[in-house]
Amino acid sequence: MTVAVPTPSISPGLVVRHIPRPLKLADFGLIAFDMDSTLITIECIDEIADAVGKKAEVAAITEATMRGEIKDFKESLRRRVALLEGVPVGALQEVYDQRLRLSPGAPELVGACREAGLKVLLVSGGFTFFADRVMARLGIDFARSNLLEEDGGRLTGRVRAQDWGDICDGAEKRRTLLEVASLLRLAPSQTIAVGDGANDLPMMGAAGLSVAFHAKPKVREQAMVAIDAGGLDRLLEVVQP
């Protein structure tokens, strides 16, 4: 008989709340990750803005959005992307080459999930330029993210609509998680969602297991697992391979 564990840290920097234990990766069929500040260590939009000297301005909007102080993610993203107008497309490659790093434990956790038979989903309010490369680098199965519009080798300051919609916000993250789960014939309870910001809360709320990684307080408080120190692979201390 399993017993719900209402609180505490099972080891320093790792908090577990209200989940039956022990859990195994084999109990799940899909794990969904946010990208910026979760699978990778940076917020890509902030680093692109640095190319035009607007990092502080963009980063302030990003931070307020991730804390949940700016409620409308779509409007927040449009405001930030508008500040990127005129940035050379080559700046994206420079950010990827020089600044983008995988979060500690990301390859290990993704690898363990794949070995256990889970499918892996990257669902991001960030951009396809980076999501596609992270997807290939980690062997991720599915990805959804936003597409920056380009013209003449420069960003236009707009996001281009895609077949599924215009902007991947919190509602779209949740919808994508549930859609992919349904296609895989999985119940929501067989999914894991990992994120750090307020726009991750809808998908985390829909998943069977919600994981906050070095997250904003609002997200950390609502997650079933909070990794406050160490890498993503610390989830394997809670969900056994």
Protein backbone atom coordinates (compact mmCIF):
# COMPACT_ATOMS: atom_id res chain seq x y z
CA MET A 1 0.00 0.00 0.00
CA THR A 2 1.40 3.41 -0.99
CA VAL A 3 1.08 6.38 1.29
CA ALA A 4 0.80 9.99 0.15
CA VAL A 5 3.76 12.07 1.22
CA PRO A 6 2.46 15.58 2.04
CA THR A 7 5.71 17.48 2.33
CA PRO A 8 9.21 17.30 2.97
CA SER A 9 12.52 17.25 1.35
CA ILE A 10 13.69 13.72 0.65
CA SER A 11 17.21 15.16 0.39
CA PRO A 12 18.59 18.71 0.39
CA GLY A 13 17.19 20.78 -2.46
CA LEU A 14 14.58 18.20 -3.47
CA VAL A 15 11.00 18.61 -2.20
CA VAL A 16 8.18 16.13 -2.77
CA ARG A 17 4.51 16.86 -2.05
CA HIS A 18 1.32 14.83 -2.26
CA ILE A 19 2.49 11.96 -4.43
CA PRO A 20 2.35 8.23 -3.86
CA ARG A 21 5.77 6.68 -3.55
CA PRO A 22 7.66 4.89 -4.84
CA LEU A 23 7.14 5.91 -8.47
CA LYS A 24 8.85 4.41 -11.51
CA LEU A 25 9.46 5.84 -14.96
CA ALA A 26 7.62 2.80 -16.30
CA ASP A 27 4.46 4.23 -14.68
CA PHE A 28 4.54 6.98 -17.33
CA GLY A 29 4.57 7.17 -21.11
CA LEU A 30 5.32 10.84 -21.86
CA ILE A 31 7.47 13.55 -20.32
CA ALA A 32 7.08 17.19 -21.42
CA PHE A 33 9.74 19.84 -20.86
CA ASP A 34 9.73 23.59 -21.06
CA MET A 35 12.91 24.76 -22.79
CA ASP A 36 14.24 28.15 -21.62
CA SER A 37 15.60 27.98 -18.05
CA THR A 38 14.50 24.34 -17.86
CA LEU A 39 16.16 22.17 -20.52
CA ILE A 40 18.63 24.98 -21.21
CA THR A 41 20.22 27.50 -18.86
CA ILE A 42 19.25 30.72 -20.67
CA GLU A 43 16.19 32.68 -21.78
CA CYS A 44 16.92 32.85 -25.51
CA ILE A 45 14.89 35.99 -26.14
CA ASP A 46 16.90 37.89 -23.54
CA GLU A 47 20.15 36.85 -25.19
CA ILE A 48 18.93 37.80 -28.69
CA ALA A 49 17.94 41.21 -27.32
CA ASP A 50 21.49 41.66 -26.10
CA ALA A 51 22.50 41.92 -29.76
CA VAL A 52 20.68 45.25 -30.01
CA GLY A 53 21.43 46.52 -26.51
CA LYS A 54 17.92 45.80 -25.21
CA LYS A 55 18.59 42.85 -22.92
CA ALA A 56 17.69 44.66 -19.71
CA GLU A 57 14.38 45.88 -21.12
CA VAL A 58 13.40 42.49 -22.53
CA ALA A 59 14.65 40.55 -19.51
CA ALA A 60 12.53 42.66 -17.16
CA ILE A 61 9.39 41.69 -19.12
CA THR A 62 10.49 38.04 -19.23
CA GLU A 63 11.08 37.91 -15.48
CA ALA A 64 7.74 39.55 -14.65
CA THR A 65 5.98 37.12 -16.99
CA MET A 66 7.64 34.04 -15.51
CA ARG A 67 6.78 35.21 -11.99
CA GLY A 68 3.16 35.51 -13.10
CA GLU A 69 2.99 39.28 -12.67
CA ILE A 70 2.19 39.77 -16.38
CA LYS A 71 -0.78 37.47 -16.92
CA ASP A 72 -1.13 37.59 -20.71
CA PHE A 73 1.81 35.59 -22.06
CA LYS A 74 0.89 36.26 -25.69
CA GLU A 75 0.93 40.02 -25.20
CA SER A 76 4.15 39.75 -23.20
CA LEU A 77 5.83 37.79 -25.99
CA ARG A 78 4.62 40.18 -28.67
CA ARG A 79 6.02 43.13 -26.69
CA ARG A 80 9.39 41.45 -26.31
CA VAL A 81 9.60 40.22 -29.89
CA ALA A 82 8.75 43.72 -31.17
CA LEU A 83 11.94 44.93 -29.48
CA LEU A 84 13.92 42.49 -31.66
CA GLU A 85 12.98 44.22 -34.91
CA GLY A 86 16.06 44.61 -37.10
CA VAL A 87 18.21 42.04 -35.30
CA PRO A 88 20.28 40.11 -37.87
CA VAL A 89 19.19 36.49 -38.17
CA GLY A 90 22.82 35.52 -37.67
CA ALA A 91 22.52 36.66 -34.05
CA LEU A 92 20.42 33.58 -33.32
CA GLN A 93 23.25 31.28 -34.36
CA GLU A 94 25.66 33.29 -32.22
CA VAL A 95 23.38 32.86 -29.21
CA TYR A 96 23.16 29.13 -29.86
CA ASP A 97 26.91 28.69 -30.34
CA GLN A 98 28.18 31.01 -27.61
CA ARG A 99 25.51 31.17 -24.90
CA LEU A 100 23.13 28.24 -25.02
CA ARG A 101 24.02 25.44 -22.65
CA LEU A 102 22.00 22.41 -21.65
CA SER A 103 20.91 22.40 -18.04
CA PRO A 104 22.88 20.04 -15.79
CA GLY A 105 21.31 16.60 -15.81
CA ALA A 106 19.22 17.21 -18.95
CA PRO A 107 20.94 14.57 -21.13
CA GLU A 108 20.88 12.08 -18.26
CA LEU A 109 17.17 12.55 -17.51
CA VAL A 110 16.09 12.53 -21.14
CA GLY A 111 18.24 9.46 -21.77
CA ALA A 112 16.76 7.60 -18.79
CA CYS A 113 13.24 8.45 -19.93
CA ARG A 114 13.88 7.24 -23.45
CA GLU A 115 15.48 4.05 -22.14
CA ALA A 116 12.38 3.42 -20.02
CA GLY A 117 10.20 3.77 -23.12
CA LEU A 118 8.80 7.27 -22.56
CA LYS A 119 8.28 9.67 -25.42
CA VAL A 120 9.77 13.13 -24.88
CA LEU A 121 8.04 16.41 -25.73
CA LEU A 122 9.61 19.88 -25.79
CA VAL A 123 6.91 22.53 -25.56
CA SER A 124 8.20 26.08 -25.38
CA GLY A 125 7.21 29.71 -25.37
CA GLY A 126 10.62 30.21 -26.98
CA PHE A 127 11.62 29.83 -30.59
CA THR A 128 11.88 27.09 -33.19
CA PHE A 129 15.44 28.07 -34.14
CA PHE A 130 16.60 26.87 -30.72
CA ALA A 131 13.94 24.23 -30.05
CA ASP A 132 14.77 22.35 -33.26
CA ARG A 133 18.46 22.23 -32.35
CA VAL A 134 17.85 21.19 -28.74
CA MET A 135 15.41 18.56 -29.99
CA ALA A 136 18.05 17.08 -32.30
CA ARG A 137 20.78 17.33 -29.69
CA LEU A 138 18.84 15.42 -27.02
CA GLY A 139 16.91 13.02 -29.25
CA ILE A 140 13.53 14.51 -28.34
CA ASP A 141 10.49 13.07 -30.12
CA PHE A 142 8.16 16.08 -30.44
CA ALA A 143 8.53 19.86 -30.22
CA ARG A 144 6.27 22.89 -30.37
CA SER A 145 7.49 26.48 -30.13
CA ASN A 146 7.16 29.91 -31.69
CA LEU A 147 8.47 30.95 -35.10
CA LEU A 148 10.21 34.30 -35.47
CA GLU A 149 9.37 36.11 -38.70
CA GLU A 150 12.33 37.10 -40.88
CA ASP A 151 12.71 39.40 -43.85
CA GLY A 152 15.88 40.19 -45.72
CA GLY A 153 18.08 38.46 -43.19
CA ARG A 154 16.66 40.39 -40.22
CA LEU A 155 13.93 39.79 -37.67
CA THR A 156 10.73 41.74 -38.29
CA GLY A 157 9.71 41.96 -34.65
CA ARG A 158 6.75 39.64 -35.20
CA VAL A 159 5.90 35.99 -34.57
CA ARG A 160 4.69 34.01 -37.59
CA ALA A 161 1.48 32.00 -37.25
CA GLN A 162 1.77 28.24 -37.70
CA ASP A 163 -0.76 25.53 -38.56
CA TRP A 164 -1.62 24.95 -34.88
CA GLY A 165 -1.96 28.65 -33.98
CA ASP A 166 0.01 31.82 -33.38
CA ILE A 167 1.81 31.69 -30.01
CA CYS A 168 2.67 28.77 -27.75
CA ASP A 169 1.49 30.09 -24.39
CA GLY A 170 0.44 28.26 -21.25
CA ALA A 171 -2.89 27.15 -22.70
CA GLU A 172 -1.18 25.83 -25.83
CA LYS A 173 1.40 23.97 -23.75
CA ARG A 174 -1.41 22.24 -21.88
CA ARG A 175 -3.31 21.46 -25.07
CA THR A 176 -0.18 20.06 -26.73
CA LEU A 177 0.62 17.83 -23.75
CA LEU A 178 -2.91 16.40 -23.75
CA GLU A 179 -3.00 16.07 -27.55
CA VAL A 180 0.27 14.14 -27.71
CA ALA A 181 -0.80 11.98 -24.77
CA SER A 182 -4.05 11.18 -26.55
CA LEU A 183 -2.23 10.26 -29.77
CA LEU A 184 -0.05 7.92 -27.72
CA ARG A 185 -3.16 6.46 -26.04
CA LEU A 186 -2.02 7.69 -22.66
CA ALA A 187 -4.13 9.07 -19.83
CA PRO A 188 -3.02 12.47 -18.46
CA SER A 189 -2.04 10.61 -15.28
CA GLN A 190 0.65 8.85 -17.33
CA THR A 191 2.42 12.11 -18.18
CA ILE A 192 5.12 14.19 -16.48
CA ALA A 193 5.48 17.96 -17.03
CA VAL A 194 8.64 19.88 -16.12
CA GLY A 195 8.92 23.68 -16.07
CA ASP A 196 10.02 26.78 -14.21
CA GLY A 197 7.67 29.66 -15.07
CA ALA A 198 4.04 30.67 -14.69
CA ASN A 199 3.23 29.74 -18.29
CA ASP A 200 4.17 26.13 -17.44
CA LEU A 201 1.51 25.83 -14.73
CA PRO A 202 -1.37 24.82 -17.06
CA MET A 203 0.48 21.81 -18.45
CA MET A 204 1.89 20.95 -15.03
CA GLY A 205 -1.64 21.00 -13.64
CA ALA A 206 -2.84 18.60 -16.33
CA ALA A 207 -0.01 16.10 -15.92
CA GLY A 208 0.11 13.14 -13.60
CA LEU A 209 3.36 14.40 -12.11
CA SER A 210 4.39 18.08 -12.04
CA VAL A 211 8.03 19.03 -11.60
CA ALA A 212 9.40 22.52 -10.88
CA PHE A 213 13.04 23.02 -11.81
CA HIS A 214 14.82 25.95 -10.13
CA ALA A 215 11.44 27.58 -10.50
CA LYS A 216 9.72 30.82 -9.61
CA PRO A 217 8.05 30.69 -6.16
CA LYS A 218 4.52 30.46 -7.57
CA VAL A 219 5.48 27.43 -9.64
CA ARG A 220 7.54 25.77 -6.94
CA GLU A 221 4.65 26.01 -4.47
CA GLN A 222 2.23 24.24 -6.81
CA ALA A 223 4.51 21.47 -8.09
CA MET A 224 4.47 17.93 -6.77
CA VAL A 225 8.26 17.77 -7.07
CA ALA A 226 10.52 20.80 -6.71
CA ILE A 227 14.17 20.52 -7.70
CA ASP A 228 15.73 23.52 -6.00
CA ALA A 229 19.36 22.43 -6.14
CA GLY A 230 21.27 20.24 -8.55
CA GLY A 231 20.37 19.05 -12.03
CA LEU A 232 17.29 17.79 -13.82
CA ASP A 233 18.42 14.22 -13.26
CA ARG A 234 17.55 14.63 -9.58
CA LEU A 235 14.03 13.66 -10.66
CA LEU A 236 15.43 10.13 -10.85
CA GLU A 237 15.71 10.20 -7.06
CA VAL A 238 11.90 10.42 -6.95
CA VAL A 239 10.91 8.47 -10.07
CA GLN A 240 13.10 5.39 -10.25
CA PRO A 241 14.43 4.28 -13.67
